[in-house]
Amino acid sequence: MLLRSAVVAAALLTVVGLAPARADDAARLLRQAITAPRTTSFVGEVQTLEIGESQTQASVYRIEHRAPDLTRRWYLAPQSLYGDSVLTHGEHRYSIDVHRNRVIVDENDAIDDQVAMDDNFGLLTTNYRAESAPDETVAGQRCRAVMLVNKHTGQTVMRIWIDAKTHLVLQKERYAANGALTSQTRFSNLRYTSAIPSQVFAVPTGFTRIQGSRRAQPSSDVNAAVKTAGFKARSPRYLPEGFIPVTGDVTDVNGVRTLHLLYSDGIRTISLFENAKDVAVDLSRYTARSVRFENHDAQYVEQGPITLLSWGEAGLHFALVGELSRTELIKIAASVVS
């Protein structure tokens, strides 16, 4: 769960006959895109790409969404996920593993359909400038394209294609600091309809139910969350420009009390997980590499736009997950241990 897929944006072919969105329209279009899923119902098929340092992961899923907050994703690829699905009922998520005959129940923290972290439009516009790009077509729908440019670095972080009629985001692309594409989400076909039977969103019976990670209600007072951790927790002294503390909470991860601190600049996020049992993050599914900083041995994984850095110190274990480069995460980690 630490390597979730993160938020992304996009680009396509220009369509003759649809005038380009004016620069002064870009921010308005962005706000409309953020709220569109609350009022727009649809069915379709989505293709995703996560471009890592050494490999690219692709997935295809059928999606059915009935506004405002019922969604079902049914995976068609890769083969290892075929038949699995994810149901979201508002704040609750049900991950249905047909291969193991189980349903994992937890809170919905998926952000792949979002433009901004928690749809925080104010924080996003503080740190990003919305600029118009040439109009294009995605899944047969005429779209307005908007680029999100970081005001501090001048980097284009995200590009999104917004349906000109419904304002639903139909394609998103995410870019690294050097401009390389790191992830893409794109509708390959789409049909707008609210006539989706309720049983589509029903949690199947006959499966073993497993309770996922439990966490306290996130608090916007990060310092207060640190005090409730039950151990001498630490927080970073350095954050990249534009990032601010957003929430803090204490999570029970496989029986281990874990503090989670979340920081964001409106689009990108940084999460710091720490526990006092020196229980390391399981990186066995990934190609982990070693790195050393401030006399600490650490491991890191790069997966699309997401980097995970893990290390231990004085009986504590830390996992730093961010939509940033390894170099930037190491700077943050060094400020945690210093």
C-alpha atoms as a PDB file:
ATOM      1  CA  MET A   1       0.000   0.000   0.000  1.00  0.00           C
ATOM      2  CA  LEU A   2       2.958   2.329   0.539  1.00  0.00           C
ATOM      3  CA  LEU A   3       3.694   2.326  -3.193  1.00  0.00           C
ATOM      4  CA  ARG A   4       0.369   3.444  -4.368  1.00  0.00           C
ATOM      5  CA  SER A   5      -0.155   4.617  -7.396  1.00  0.00           C
ATOM      6  CA  ALA A   6       0.006   8.330  -7.326  1.00  0.00           C
ATOM      7  CA  VAL A   7      -1.771  11.134  -9.146  1.00  0.00           C
ATOM      8  CA  VAL A   8      -0.945  11.628 -12.963  1.00  0.00           C
ATOM      9  CA  ALA A   9      -1.860  13.883 -16.053  1.00  0.00           C
ATOM     10  CA  ALA A  10      -1.798  13.731 -19.914  1.00  0.00           C
ATOM     11  CA  ALA A  11      -1.584  14.770 -23.668  1.00  0.00           C
ATOM     12  CA  LEU A  12      -3.159  13.781 -27.040  1.00  0.00           C
ATOM     13  CA  LEU A  13      -3.808  14.750 -30.713  1.00  0.00           C
ATOM     14  CA  THR A  14      -5.252  18.161 -31.624  1.00  0.00           C
ATOM     15  CA  VAL A  15      -8.851  18.164 -32.818  1.00  0.00           C
ATOM     16  CA  VAL A  16      -9.836  20.535 -35.615  1.00  0.00           C
ATOM     17  CA  GLY A  17     -12.990  22.495 -34.887  1.00  0.00           C
ATOM     18  CA  LEU A  18     -12.630  22.882 -31.102  1.00  0.00           C
ATOM     19  CA  ALA A  19     -10.990  26.168 -30.130  1.00  0.00           C
ATOM     20  CA  PRO A  20      -8.094  25.926 -27.642  1.00  0.00           C
ATOM     21  CA  ALA A  21      -8.968  26.736 -24.048  1.00  0.00           C
ATOM     22  CA  ARG A  22      -7.877  30.281 -23.147  1.00  0.00           C
ATOM     23  CA  ALA A  23      -5.301  30.699 -20.411  1.00  0.00           C
ATOM     24  CA  ASP A  24      -7.856  32.414 -18.176  1.00  0.00           C
ATOM     25  CA  ASP A  25     -10.112  29.359 -18.508  1.00  0.00           C
ATOM     26  CA  ALA A  26      -7.521  26.863 -17.270  1.00  0.00           C
ATOM     27  CA  ALA A  27      -8.083  27.344 -13.528  1.00  0.00           C
ATOM     28  CA  ARG A  28     -11.869  27.187 -13.990  1.00  0.00           C
ATOM     29  CA  LEU A  29     -11.568  23.963 -15.990  1.00  0.00           C
ATOM     30  CA  LEU A  30      -9.342  22.517 -13.303  1.00  0.00           C
ATOM     31  CA  ARG A  31     -11.881  23.205 -10.572  1.00  0.00           C
ATOM     32  CA  GLN A  32     -14.653  21.661 -12.682  1.00  0.00           C
ATOM     33  CA  ALA A  33     -12.515  18.547 -13.270  1.00  0.00           C
ATOM     34  CA  ILE A  34     -11.979  18.079  -9.550  1.00  0.00           C
ATOM     35  CA  THR A  35     -15.721  18.027  -8.814  1.00  0.00           C
ATOM     36  CA  ALA A  36     -16.922  16.172 -11.950  1.00  0.00           C
ATOM     37  CA  PRO A  37     -16.980  12.608 -10.473  1.00  0.00           C
ATOM     38  CA  ARG A  38     -19.433  13.756  -7.809  1.00  0.00           C
ATOM     39  CA  THR A  39     -22.078  14.445 -10.466  1.00  0.00           C
ATOM     40  CA  THR A  40     -21.067  12.329 -13.493  1.00  0.00           C
ATOM     41  CA  SER A  41     -21.763   8.587 -13.834  1.00  0.00           C
ATOM     42  CA  PHE A  42     -20.031   6.430 -16.445  1.00  0.00           C
ATOM     43  CA  VAL A  43     -18.666   3.049 -17.512  1.00  0.00           C
ATOM     44  CA  GLY A  44     -15.469   2.516 -19.431  1.00  0.00           C
ATOM     45  CA  GLU A  45     -12.081   0.883 -19.739  1.00  0.00           C
ATOM     46  CA  VAL A  46      -8.876   2.424 -18.409  1.00  0.00           C
ATOM     47  CA  GLN A  47      -5.246   1.743 -19.265  1.00  0.00           C
ATOM     48  CA  THR A  48      -2.439   2.705 -16.883  1.00  0.00           C
ATOM     49  CA  LEU A  49       1.335   2.834 -17.177  1.00  0.00           C
ATOM     50  CA  GLU A  50       3.856   3.227 -14.345  1.00  0.00           C
ATOM     51  CA  ILE A  51       7.317   3.831 -15.789  1.00  0.00           C
ATOM     52  CA  GLY A  52      10.014   2.910 -13.283  1.00  0.00           C
ATOM     53  CA  GLU A  53      13.775   3.139 -13.401  1.00  0.00           C
ATOM     54  CA  SER A  54      14.191  -0.463 -14.580  1.00  0.00           C
ATOM     55  CA  GLN A  55      10.727  -1.587 -15.693  1.00  0.00           C
ATOM     56  CA  THR A  56       7.313  -0.431 -16.814  1.00  0.00           C
ATOM     57  CA  GLN A  57       4.141  -1.805 -15.262  1.00  0.00           C
ATOM     58  CA  ALA A  58       0.875  -1.738 -17.180  1.00  0.00           C
ATOM     59  CA  SER A  59      -2.666  -2.520 -16.134  1.00  0.00           C
ATOM     60  CA  VAL A  60      -6.096  -2.479 -17.726  1.00  0.00           C
ATOM     61  CA  TYR A  61      -9.361  -2.349 -15.813  1.00  0.00           C
ATOM     62  CA  ARG A  62     -13.040  -1.862 -16.472  1.00  0.00           C
ATOM     63  CA  ILE A  63     -14.502   0.937 -14.379  1.00  0.00           C
ATOM     64  CA  GLU A  64     -18.120   1.602 -13.410  1.00  0.00           C
ATOM     65  CA  HIS A  65     -18.894   4.751 -11.436  1.00  0.00           C
ATOM     66  CA  ARG A  66     -22.244   5.936 -10.163  1.00  0.00           C
ATOM     67  CA  ALA A  67     -22.134   9.434  -8.767  1.00  0.00           C
ATOM     68  CA  PRO A  68     -21.425  10.574  -6.234  1.00  0.00           C
ATOM     69  CA  ASP A  69     -19.283   7.897  -4.578  1.00  0.00           C
ATOM     70  CA  LEU A  70     -19.800   4.321  -5.827  1.00  0.00           C
ATOM     71  CA  THR A  71     -17.015   2.867  -7.985  1.00  0.00           C
ATOM     72  CA  ARG A  72     -15.997  -0.606  -9.165  1.00  0.00           C
ATOM     73  CA  ARG A  73     -12.727  -1.426 -10.918  1.00  0.00           C
ATOM     74  CA  TRP A  74     -12.434  -4.907 -12.437  1.00  0.00           C
ATOM     75  CA  TYR A  75      -8.927  -5.841 -13.590  1.00  0.00           C
ATOM     76  CA  LEU A  76      -8.354  -7.377 -17.010  1.00  0.00           C
ATOM     77  CA  ALA A  77      -4.546  -7.180 -16.980  1.00  0.00           C
ATOM     78  CA  PRO A  78      -1.932  -8.064 -15.895  1.00  0.00           C
ATOM     79  CA  GLN A  79      -2.704 -11.784 -15.677  1.00  0.00           C
ATOM     80  CA  SER A  80      -1.824 -11.882 -11.982  1.00  0.00           C
ATOM     81  CA  LEU A  81      -4.693  -9.464 -11.253  1.00  0.00           C
ATOM     82  CA  TYR A  82      -7.223 -10.796 -13.754  1.00  0.00           C
ATOM     83  CA  GLY A  83     -10.647 -11.052 -12.137  1.00  0.00           C
ATOM     84  CA  ASP A  84      -9.686  -9.080  -9.030  1.00  0.00           C
ATOM     85  CA  SER A  85     -11.663  -5.933  -8.338  1.00  0.00           C
ATOM     86  CA  VAL A  86     -11.797  -2.937  -6.049  1.00  0.00           C
ATOM     87  CA  LEU A  87     -15.078  -1.494  -4.775  1.00  0.00           C
ATOM     88  CA  THR A  88     -15.234   1.941  -3.189  1.00  0.00           C
ATOM     89  CA  HIS A  89     -18.278   3.039  -1.220  1.00  0.00           C
ATOM     90  CA  GLY A  90     -17.447   6.588  -0.227  1.00  0.00           C
ATOM     91  CA  GLU A  91     -14.661   6.360   2.351  1.00  0.00           C
ATOM     92  CA  HIS A  92     -14.646   2.557   2.428  1.00  0.00           C
ATOM     93  CA  ARG A  93     -12.714   0.277   0.092  1.00  0.00           C
ATOM     94  CA  TYR A  94     -13.148  -3.450  -0.558  1.00  0.00           C
ATOM     95  CA  SER A  95     -10.278  -5.167  -2.381  1.00  0.00           C
ATOM     96  CA  ILE A  96     -11.613  -8.449  -3.760  1.00  0.00           C
ATOM     97  CA  ASP A  97      -8.930 -11.088  -4.271  1.00  0.00           C
ATOM     98  CA  VAL A  98     -10.604 -13.876  -6.243  1.00  0.00           C
ATOM     99  CA  HIS A  99      -7.430 -15.986  -6.338  1.00  0.00           C
ATOM    100  CA  ARG A 100      -7.298 -16.199  -2.531  1.00  0.00           C
ATOM    101  CA  ASN A 101     -11.044 -16.003  -1.964  1.00  0.00           C
ATOM    102  CA  ARG A 102     -10.803 -12.977   0.331  1.00  0.00           C
ATOM    103  CA  VAL A 103     -11.968  -9.377   0.703  1.00  0.00           C
ATOM    104  CA  ILE A 104      -9.685  -6.834   2.347  1.00  0.00           C
ATOM    105  CA  VAL A 105     -11.666  -4.037   3.984  1.00  0.00           C
ATOM    106  CA  ASP A 106     -10.022  -0.700   4.688  1.00  0.00           C
ATOM    107  CA  GLU A 107     -10.314   3.013   4.091  1.00  0.00           C
ATOM    108  CA  ASN A 108     -10.328   4.428   0.586  1.00  0.00           C
ATOM    109  CA  ASP A 109      -7.027   6.264   0.065  1.00  0.00           C
ATOM    110  CA  ALA A 110      -6.847   5.725  -3.697  1.00  0.00           C
ATOM    111  CA  ILE A 111      -6.042   8.951  -5.535  1.00  0.00           C
ATOM    112  CA  ASP A 112      -5.633   7.766  -9.097  1.00  0.00           C
ATOM    113  CA  ASP A 113      -8.865   9.491 -10.165  1.00  0.00           C
ATOM    114  CA  GLN A 114      -8.027  12.726  -8.403  1.00  0.00           C
ATOM    115  CA  VAL A 115      -6.292  15.808  -9.739  1.00  0.00           C
ATOM    116  CA  ALA A 116      -5.263  17.275  -6.391  1.00  0.00           C
ATOM    117  CA  MET A 117      -4.368  15.670  -3.079  1.00  0.00           C
ATOM    118  CA  ASP A 118      -7.728  15.416  -1.274  1.00  0.00           C
ATOM    119  CA  ASP A 119      -9.040  17.739  -4.013  1.00  0.00           C
ATOM    120  CA  ASN A 120      -7.342  20.636  -2.156  1.00  0.00           C
ATOM    121  CA  PHE A 121      -7.811  23.311  -4.788  1.00  0.00           C
ATOM    122  CA  GLY A 122      -6.479  26.123  -2.603  1.00  0.00           C
ATOM    123  CA  LEU A 123      -3.174  24.397  -1.874  1.00  0.00           C
ATOM    124  CA  LEU A 124      -2.825  23.344  -5.501  1.00  0.00           C
ATOM    125  CA  THR A 125      -3.254  26.870  -6.872  1.00  0.00           C
ATOM    126  CA  THR A 126      -0.834  28.255  -4.286  1.00  0.00           C
ATOM    127  CA  ASN A 127       1.966  26.127  -5.718  1.00  0.00           C
ATOM    128  CA  TYR A 128       0.891  25.443  -9.312  1.00  0.00           C
ATOM    129  CA  ARG A 129      -0.047  27.533 -12.304  1.00  0.00           C
ATOM    130  CA  ALA A 130      -2.683  26.131 -14.657  1.00  0.00           C
ATOM    131  CA  GLU A 131      -1.880  26.728 -18.327  1.00  0.00           C
ATOM    132  CA  SER A 132      -3.878  25.841 -21.419  1.00  0.00           C
ATOM    133  CA  ALA A 133      -2.559  23.340 -23.962  1.00  0.00           C
ATOM    134  CA  PRO A 134      -3.911  22.361 -27.413  1.00  0.00           C
ATOM    135  CA  ASP A 135      -7.301  20.641 -27.375  1.00  0.00           C
ATOM    136  CA  GLU A 136      -7.350  16.921 -28.165  1.00  0.00           C
ATOM    137  CA  THR A 137      -9.570  13.832 -28.354  1.00  0.00           C
ATOM    138  CA  VAL A 138      -9.583  10.965 -25.833  1.00  0.00           C
ATOM    139  CA  ALA A 139     -11.902   7.925 -26.032  1.00  0.00           C
ATOM    140  CA  GLY A 140     -13.916   9.677 -28.735  1.00  0.00           C
ATOM    141  CA  GLN A 141     -14.602  12.732 -26.532  1.00  0.00           C
ATOM    142  CA  ARG A 142     -13.434  16.253 -27.309  1.00  0.00           C
ATOM    143  CA  CYS A 143     -11.205  17.468 -24.486  1.00  0.00           C
ATOM    144  CA  ARG A 144      -9.564  20.598 -23.122  1.00  0.00           C
ATOM    145  CA  ALA A 145      -5.951  20.106 -22.073  1.00  0.00           C
ATOM    146  CA  VAL A 146      -4.431  21.794 -19.028  1.00  0.00           C
ATOM    147  CA  MET A 147      -0.812  21.741 -17.839  1.00  0.00           C
ATOM    148  CA  LEU A 148       0.081  22.213 -14.168  1.00  0.00           C
ATOM    149  CA  VAL A 149       3.372  24.069 -13.777  1.00  0.00           C
ATOM    150  CA  ASN A 150       5.164  24.283 -10.432  1.00  0.00           C
ATOM    151  CA  LYS A 151       5.532  27.971  -9.529  1.00  0.00           C
ATOM    152  CA  HIS A 152       8.741  27.354  -7.582  1.00  0.00           C
ATOM    153  CA  THR A 153      10.648  25.265 -10.121  1.00  0.00           C
ATOM    154  CA  GLY A 154       8.944  26.030 -13.441  1.00  0.00           C
ATOM    155  CA  GLN A 155       8.541  22.276 -13.994  1.00  0.00           C
ATOM    156  CA  THR A 156       5.449  20.890 -15.722  1.00  0.00           C
ATOM    157  CA  VAL A 157       4.418  18.193 -13.263  1.00  0.00           C
ATOM    158  CA  MET A 158       1.097  17.112 -14.700  1.00  0.00           C
ATOM    159  CA  ARG A 159      -1.015  17.377 -17.821  1.00  0.00           C
ATOM    160  CA  ILE A 160      -4.687  16.491 -17.867  1.00  0.00           C
ATOM    161  CA  TRP A 161      -7.305  16.121 -20.593  1.00  0.00           C
ATOM    162  CA  ILE A 162     -10.782  17.258 -19.494  1.00  0.00           C
ATOM    163  CA  ASP A 163     -13.963  16.296 -21.344  1.00  0.00           C
ATOM    164  CA  ALA A 164     -15.291  19.563 -22.782  1.00  0.00           C
ATOM    165  CA  LYS A 165     -18.900  18.635 -21.862  1.00  0.00           C
ATOM    166  CA  THR A 166     -18.772  16.672 -18.607  1.00  0.00           C
ATOM    167  CA  HIS A 167     -15.392  17.944 -17.308  1.00  0.00           C
ATOM    168  CA  LEU A 168     -14.354  14.402 -16.386  1.00  0.00           C
ATOM    169  CA  VAL A 169     -10.597  13.799 -16.604  1.00  0.00           C
ATOM    170  CA  LEU A 170     -10.091  11.276 -19.425  1.00  0.00           C
ATOM    171  CA  GLN A 171      -6.300  11.195 -19.503  1.00  0.00           C
ATOM    172  CA  LYS A 172      -3.566  12.163 -17.073  1.00  0.00           C
ATOM    173  CA  GLU A 173       0.197  12.186 -17.410  1.00  0.00           C
ATOM    174  CA  ARG A 174       2.868  12.760 -14.821  1.00  0.00           C
ATOM    175  CA  TYR A 175       6.418  14.002 -15.488  1.00  0.00           C
ATOM    176  CA  ALA A 176       9.730  13.767 -13.671  1.00  0.00           C
ATOM    177  CA  ALA A 177      11.965  16.783 -13.010  1.00  0.00           C
ATOM    178  CA  ASN A 178      13.817  16.109 -16.284  1.00  0.00           C
ATOM    179  CA  GLY A 179      10.551  16.110 -18.242  1.00  0.00           C
ATOM    180  CA  ALA A 180      10.375  12.337 -18.721  1.00  0.00           C
ATOM    181  CA  LEU A 181       6.965  10.674 -18.571  1.00  0.00           C
ATOM    182  CA  THR A 182       6.630   8.642 -15.363  1.00  0.00           C
ATOM    183  CA  SER A 183       2.985   7.582 -15.422  1.00  0.00           C
ATOM    184  CA  GLN A 184      -0.132   7.740 -17.548  1.00  0.00           C
ATOM    185  CA  THR A 185      -3.794   6.915 -17.023  1.00  0.00           C
ATOM    186  CA  ARG A 186      -6.080   6.938 -20.063  1.00  0.00           C
ATOM    187  CA  PHE A 187      -9.649   5.934 -20.921  1.00  0.00           C
ATOM    188  CA  SER A 188      -9.674   3.687 -24.008  1.00  0.00           C
ATOM    189  CA  ASN A 189     -13.470   3.693 -24.221  1.00  0.00           C
ATOM    190  CA  LEU A 190     -16.188   5.490 -22.302  1.00  0.00           C
ATOM    191  CA  ARG A 191     -19.965   5.692 -22.032  1.00  0.00           C
ATOM    192  CA  TYR A 192     -21.846   8.122 -19.833  1.00  0.00           C
ATOM    193  CA  THR A 193     -24.787   6.518 -18.034  1.00  0.00           C
ATOM    194  CA  SER A 194     -26.321   6.344 -14.578  1.00  0.00           C
ATOM    195  CA  ALA A 195     -28.172   3.092 -15.381  1.00  0.00           C
ATOM    196  CA  ILE A 196     -25.731   0.899 -13.489  1.00  0.00           C
ATOM    197  CA  PRO A 197     -27.392  -1.848 -11.404  1.00  0.00           C
ATOM    198  CA  SER A 198     -26.806  -1.638  -7.653  1.00  0.00           C
ATOM    199  CA  GLN A 199     -25.541  -5.232  -7.575  1.00  0.00           C
ATOM    200  CA  VAL A 200     -22.469  -4.081  -9.526  1.00  0.00           C
ATOM    201  CA  PHE A 201     -21.311  -2.367  -6.335  1.00  0.00           C
ATOM    202  CA  ALA A 202     -22.338  -5.142  -3.936  1.00  0.00           C
ATOM    203  CA  VAL A 203     -19.586  -6.735  -1.870  1.00  0.00           C
ATOM    204  CA  PRO A 204     -19.580 -10.464  -2.767  1.00  0.00           C
ATOM    205  CA  THR A 205     -20.481 -13.020  -0.133  1.00  0.00           C
ATOM    206  CA  GLY A 206     -18.662 -16.254   0.570  1.00  0.00           C
ATOM    207  CA  PHE A 207     -15.258 -14.596   0.756  1.00  0.00           C
ATOM    208  CA  THR A 208     -13.088 -14.403   3.872  1.00  0.00           C
ATOM    209  CA  ARG A 209     -13.120 -10.848   5.176  1.00  0.00           C
ATOM    210  CA  ILE A 210      -9.814  -9.394   6.331  1.00  0.00           C
ATOM    211  CA  GLN A 211      -9.592  -6.069   8.100  1.00  0.00           C
ATOM    212  CA  GLY A 212      -6.912  -3.882   6.566  1.00  0.00           C
ATOM    213  CA  SER A 213      -4.896  -1.228   8.330  1.00  0.00           C
ATOM    214  CA  ARG A 214      -6.778   0.606  11.045  1.00  0.00           C
ATOM    215  CA  ARG A 215      -5.996   4.213  11.707  1.00  0.00           C
ATOM    216  CA  ALA A 216      -7.227   6.961  13.925  1.00  0.00           C
ATOM    217  CA  GLN A 217      -9.120   9.866  12.422  1.00  0.00           C
ATOM    218  CA  PRO A 218      -6.434  11.929  10.666  1.00  0.00           C
ATOM    219  CA  SER A 219      -5.729  15.233  12.389  1.00  0.00           C
ATOM    220  CA  SER A 220      -4.611  18.451  10.741  1.00  0.00           C
ATOM    221  CA  ASP A 221      -2.535  19.070  13.882  1.00  0.00           C
ATOM    222  CA  VAL A 222       0.575  17.082  12.952  1.00  0.00           C
ATOM    223  CA  ASN A 223       2.357  17.970  16.208  1.00  0.00           C
ATOM    224  CA  ALA A 224      -0.544  16.534  18.197  1.00  0.00           C
ATOM    225  CA  ALA A 225      -0.358  13.300  16.180  1.00  0.00           C
ATOM    226  CA  VAL A 226       3.352  13.023  16.963  1.00  0.00           C
ATOM    227  CA  LYS A 227       2.606  13.289  20.683  1.00  0.00           C
ATOM    228  CA  THR A 228       0.096  10.427  20.526  1.00  0.00           C
ATOM    229  CA  ALA A 229       2.484   8.029  18.771  1.00  0.00           C
ATOM    230  CA  GLY A 230       3.479   6.326  22.045  1.00  0.00           C
ATOM    231  CA  PHE A 231       7.189   6.670  21.283  1.00  0.00           C
ATOM    232  CA  LYS A 232       9.681   9.476  20.715  1.00  0.00           C
ATOM    233  CA  ALA A 233       8.708  10.203  17.128  1.00  0.00           C
ATOM    234  CA  ARG A 234      10.533  12.502  14.727  1.00  0.00           C
ATOM    235  CA  SER A 235       9.438  14.774  11.913  1.00  0.00           C
ATOM    236  CA  PRO A 236      11.454  16.370   9.098  1.00  0.00           C
ATOM    237  CA  ARG A 237      13.132  19.732   9.540  1.00  0.00           C
ATOM    238  CA  TYR A 238      13.397  20.172   5.775  1.00  0.00           C
ATOM    239  CA  LEU A 239      10.677  19.974   3.132  1.00  0.00           C
ATOM    240  CA  PRO A 240      10.851  21.038  -0.524  1.00  0.00           C
ATOM    241  CA  GLU A 241       9.416  24.460  -1.277  1.00  0.00           C
ATOM    242  CA  GLY A 242       5.617  24.514  -1.306  1.00  0.00           C
ATOM    243  CA  PHE A 243       5.093  21.438   0.900  1.00  0.00           C
ATOM    244  CA  ILE A 244       3.217  21.842   4.171  1.00  0.00           C
ATOM    245  CA  PRO A 245       2.005  19.423   6.892  1.00  0.00           C
ATOM    246  CA  VAL A 246      -1.491  18.178   5.999  1.00  0.00           C
ATOM    247  CA  THR A 247      -2.468  15.395   8.401  1.00  0.00           C
ATOM    248  CA  GLY A 248      -1.098  12.994  10.966  1.00  0.00           C
ATOM    249  CA  ASP A 249      -2.550   9.755  12.301  1.00  0.00           C
ATOM    250  CA  VAL A 250      -1.594   6.598  14.148  1.00  0.00           C
ATOM    251  CA  THR A 251      -2.147   3.362  12.198  1.00  0.00           C
ATOM    252  CA  ASP A 252      -2.157  -0.281  13.252  1.00  0.00           C
ATOM    253  CA  VAL A 253      -0.147  -1.970  10.473  1.00  0.00           C
ATOM    254  CA  ASN A 254      -0.051  -5.747  10.975  1.00  0.00           C
ATOM    255  CA  GLY A 255      -0.201  -5.248  14.735  1.00  0.00           C
ATOM    256  CA  VAL A 256       2.551  -2.602  14.776  1.00  0.00           C
ATOM    257  CA  ARG A 257       1.637   0.868  16.020  1.00  0.00           C
ATOM    258  CA  THR A 258       2.751   3.217  13.243  1.00  0.00           C
ATOM    259  CA  LEU A 259       2.766   6.990  13.003  1.00  0.00           C
ATOM    260  CA  HIS A 260       1.911   8.411   9.578  1.00  0.00           C
ATOM    261  CA  LEU A 261       2.667  12.050   8.762  1.00  0.00           C
ATOM    262  CA  LEU A 262       1.439  13.417   5.432  1.00  0.00           C
ATOM    263  CA  TYR A 263       2.794  16.485   3.626  1.00  0.00           C
ATOM    264  CA  SER A 264       1.647  17.936   0.304  1.00  0.00           C
ATOM    265  CA  ASP A 265       2.025  20.813  -2.144  1.00  0.00           C
ATOM    266  CA  GLY A 266      -1.471  20.248  -3.533  1.00  0.00           C
ATOM    267  CA  ILE A 267      -0.503  17.603  -6.109  1.00  0.00           C
ATOM    268  CA  ARG A 268       2.565  15.758  -4.886  1.00  0.00           C
ATOM    269  CA  THR A 269       2.614  14.071  -1.482  1.00  0.00           C
ATOM    270  CA  ILE A 270       5.244  12.937   0.996  1.00  0.00           C
ATOM    271  CA  SER A 271       4.419  10.342   3.666  1.00  0.00           C
ATOM    272  CA  LEU A 272       6.639   9.539   6.640  1.00  0.00           C
ATOM    273  CA  PHE A 273       5.856   6.256   8.413  1.00  0.00           C
ATOM    274  CA  GLU A 274       7.656   5.358  11.631  1.00  0.00           C
ATOM    275  CA  ASN A 275       7.374   2.715  14.331  1.00  0.00           C
ATOM    276  CA  ALA A 276       9.215   1.865  17.541  1.00  0.00           C
ATOM    277  CA  LYS A 277       9.487  -1.886  16.930  1.00  0.00           C
ATOM    278  CA  ASP A 278      12.153  -1.533  14.251  1.00  0.00           C
ATOM    279  CA  VAL A 279       9.884  -3.398  11.841  1.00  0.00           C
ATOM    280  CA  ALA A 280      11.060  -2.722   8.302  1.00  0.00           C
ATOM    281  CA  VAL A 281       8.841  -2.263   5.274  1.00  0.00           C
ATOM    282  CA  ASP A 282       8.525  -5.454   3.220  1.00  0.00           C
ATOM    283  CA  LEU A 283      10.305  -4.697  -0.061  1.00  0.00           C
ATOM    284  CA  SER A 284      10.481  -8.300  -1.252  1.00  0.00           C
ATOM    285  CA  ARG A 285       8.095  -7.628  -4.150  1.00  0.00           C
ATOM    286  CA  TYR A 286      10.286  -4.843  -5.492  1.00  0.00           C
ATOM    287  CA  THR A 287      13.826  -4.368  -6.763  1.00  0.00           C
ATOM    288  CA  ALA A 288      15.327  -2.558  -3.775  1.00  0.00           C
ATOM    289  CA  ARG A 289      18.705  -0.838  -3.942  1.00  0.00           C
ATOM    290  CA  SER A 290      21.066   0.256  -1.202  1.00  0.00           C
ATOM    291  CA  VAL A 291      22.125   3.816  -0.458  1.00  0.00           C
ATOM    292  CA  ARG A 292      23.947   5.478   2.425  1.00  0.00           C
ATOM    293  CA  PHE A 293      23.329   8.914   3.957  1.00  0.00           C
ATOM    294  CA  GLU A 294      24.408  10.567   7.208  1.00  0.00           C
ATOM    295  CA  ASN A 295      26.073   7.296   8.295  1.00  0.00           C
ATOM    296  CA  HIS A 296      22.806   5.410   7.792  1.00  0.00           C
ATOM    297  CA  ASP A 297      22.337   2.395   5.555  1.00  0.00           C
ATOM    298  CA  ALA A 298      19.044   2.593   3.664  1.00  0.00           C
ATOM    299  CA  GLN A 299      17.131   0.891   0.886  1.00  0.00           C
ATOM    300  CA  TYR A 300      15.109   2.575  -1.812  1.00  0.00           C
ATOM    301  CA  VAL A 301      12.640   1.633  -4.512  1.00  0.00           C
ATOM    302  CA  GLU A 302      11.642   3.767  -7.488  1.00  0.00           C
ATOM    303  CA  GLN A 303       8.277   2.964  -9.060  1.00  0.00           C
ATOM    304  CA  GLY A 304       6.967   5.438 -11.616  1.00  0.00           C
ATOM    305  CA  PRO A 305       6.730   8.861  -9.949  1.00  0.00           C
ATOM    306  CA  ILE A 306       6.966   7.290  -6.482  1.00  0.00           C
ATOM    307  CA  THR A 307      10.170   6.738  -4.509  1.00  0.00           C
ATOM    308  CA  LEU A 308      10.325   4.837  -1.208  1.00  0.00           C
ATOM    309  CA  LEU A 309      13.280   5.207   1.161  1.00  0.00           C
ATOM    310  CA  SER A 310      13.558   2.918   4.206  1.00  0.00           C
ATOM    311  CA  TRP A 311      16.030   2.971   7.107  1.00  0.00           C
ATOM    312  CA  GLY A 312      16.374   2.286  10.833  1.00  0.00           C
ATOM    313  CA  GLU A 313      17.908   4.192  13.728  1.00  0.00           C
ATOM    314  CA  ALA A 314      18.059   3.715  17.504  1.00  0.00           C
ATOM    315  CA  GLY A 315      15.223   1.176  17.659  1.00  0.00           C
ATOM    316  CA  LEU A 316      12.977   3.148  15.302  1.00  0.00           C
ATOM    317  CA  HIS A 317      12.162   2.298  11.717  1.00  0.00           C
ATOM    318  CA  PHE A 318      11.315   4.902   9.072  1.00  0.00           C
ATOM    319  CA  ALA A 319       9.758   4.692   5.615  1.00  0.00           C
ATOM    320  CA  LEU A 320       9.614   7.847   3.531  1.00  0.00           C
ATOM    321  CA  VAL A 321       7.379   7.724   0.456  1.00  0.00           C
ATOM    322  CA  GLY A 322       7.145  10.616  -1.936  1.00  0.00           C
ATOM    323  CA  GLU A 323       6.433  11.717  -5.464  1.00  0.00           C
ATOM    324  CA  LEU A 324       9.982  13.084  -5.573  1.00  0.00           C
ATOM    325  CA  SER A 325      13.441  12.054  -6.712  1.00  0.00           C
ATOM    326  CA  ARG A 326      15.677   9.862  -4.578  1.00  0.00           C
ATOM    327  CA  THR A 327      18.016  12.837  -4.034  1.00  0.00           C
ATOM    328  CA  GLU A 328      15.198  14.971  -2.650  1.00  0.00           C
ATOM    329  CA  LEU A 329      13.920  12.185  -0.377  1.00  0.00           C
ATOM    330  CA  ILE A 330      17.428  11.690   1.035  1.00  0.00           C
ATOM    331  CA  LYS A 331      17.540  15.414   1.912  1.00  0.00           C
ATOM    332  CA  ILE A 332      14.264  15.008   3.829  1.00  0.00           C
ATOM    333  CA  ALA A 333      15.496  11.817   5.525  1.00  0.00           C
ATOM    334  CA  ALA A 334      18.702  13.537   6.604  1.00  0.00           C
ATOM    335  CA  SER A 335      16.629  16.244   8.277  1.00  0.00           C
ATOM    336  CA  VAL A 336      14.698  13.551  10.183  1.00  0.00           C
ATOM    337  CA  VAL A 337      17.808  11.920  11.663  1.00  0.00           C
ATOM    338  CA  SER A 338      19.883  15.068  12.273  1.00  0.00           C
END
